[in-house]
Amino acid sequence: MEENLQQPNYIILSVPLSELPVTETFLLRSKLMGFSSLGEIVRTDLKVVSGFEDYSERWYFELISLLERNGLIHLISA
């Protein structure tokens, strides 16, 4: 039986968000919340992030999608 596990892409954590395949809305909201890389986001408690004025569920779902596509979903603390 073959498992379909995504190999974690840890390099992406230090890449500026502006260089990642994300929407302009995700970039803007991330910047307004003070994030410039995916690493900064995953090191922050998402319960705290969800209280930020510029947080939205759409932003959160795009974050989850990006993490899943790169095998990094295990890095978030919901």
Protein backbone atom coordinates (compact mmCIF):
# COMPACT_ATOMS: atom_id res chain seq x y z
CA MET A 1 0.00 0.00 0.00
CA GLU A 2 1.46 3.30 -1.08
CA GLU A 3 1.22 6.31 1.22
CA ASN A 4 0.76 9.72 -0.35
CA LEU A 5 2.75 11.87 2.07
CA GLN A 6 4.09 15.25 1.02
CA GLN A 7 7.79 15.65 1.76
CA PRO A 8 8.16 18.72 4.02
CA ASN A 9 9.57 21.77 2.25
CA TYR A 10 11.20 23.60 5.16
CA ILE A 11 13.08 26.00 2.88
CA ILE A 12 9.82 27.78 2.10
CA LEU A 13 9.60 28.97 5.73
CA SER A 14 12.32 31.58 5.19
CA VAL A 15 11.24 32.72 1.73
CA PRO A 16 9.55 36.15 1.71
CA LEU A 17 5.78 35.81 1.35
CA SER A 18 5.95 38.04 -1.73
CA GLU A 19 7.89 35.27 -3.52
CA LEU A 20 5.36 32.52 -2.71
CA PRO A 21 2.34 31.49 -4.80
CA VAL A 22 -0.23 33.35 -2.69
CA THR A 23 -2.94 35.89 -3.45
CA GLU A 24 -2.46 39.64 -3.16
CA THR A 25 -5.06 39.61 -0.38
CA PHE A 26 -3.03 37.07 1.59
CA LEU A 27 0.09 39.19 1.12
CA LEU A 28 -1.65 42.38 2.22
CA ARG A 29 -3.30 40.85 5.28
CA SER A 30 -0.04 39.15 6.28
CA LYS A 31 1.84 42.44 5.99
CA LEU A 32 -0.81 44.29 8.00
CA MET A 33 -0.49 41.64 10.73
CA GLY A 34 3.29 42.08 10.74
CA PHE A 35 4.35 38.91 8.91
CA SER A 36 6.90 38.79 6.11
CA SER A 37 7.56 35.03 5.96
CA LEU A 38 5.72 31.77 6.49
CA GLY A 39 8.14 30.96 9.30
CA GLU A 40 7.01 34.02 11.25
CA ILE A 41 3.39 32.93 10.88
CA VAL A 42 3.89 29.34 12.05
CA ARG A 43 5.91 30.50 15.07
CA THR A 44 2.96 32.61 16.22
CA ASP A 45 0.04 31.12 18.16
CA LEU A 46 -2.88 31.13 15.73
CA LYS A 47 -5.26 31.86 18.59
CA VAL A 48 -3.44 35.17 18.96
CA VAL A 49 -3.39 35.74 15.19
CA SER A 50 -7.15 35.14 14.97
CA GLY A 51 -7.65 38.16 17.23
CA PHE A 52 -5.77 40.52 14.91
CA GLU A 53 -7.89 43.15 13.17
CA ASP A 54 -6.71 42.06 9.71
CA TYR A 55 -7.24 38.32 10.26
CA SER A 56 -9.90 36.62 8.13
CA GLU A 57 -11.06 33.07 7.57
CA ARG A 58 -10.11 33.36 3.90
CA TRP A 59 -6.54 34.26 4.96
CA TYR A 60 -6.51 31.28 7.35
CA PHE A 61 -7.75 28.84 4.69
CA GLU A 62 -5.12 30.06 2.24
CA LEU A 63 -2.47 29.56 4.94
CA ILE A 64 -3.69 26.01 5.57
CA SER A 65 -3.67 25.25 1.84
CA LEU A 66 -0.13 26.58 1.46
CA LEU A 67 1.10 24.55 4.42
CA GLU A 68 -0.62 21.37 3.17
CA ARG A 69 0.83 21.75 -0.34
CA ASN A 70 4.31 21.98 1.18
CA GLY A 71 3.98 19.19 3.75
CA LEU A 72 4.13 21.65 6.66
CA ILE A 73 0.64 21.48 8.14
CA HIS A 74 2.07 19.87 11.29
CA LEU A 75 3.81 23.16 12.16
CA ILE A 76 0.72 25.11 13.14
CA SER A 77 -0.85 25.18 16.55
CA ALA A 78 -4.56 25.76 16.15
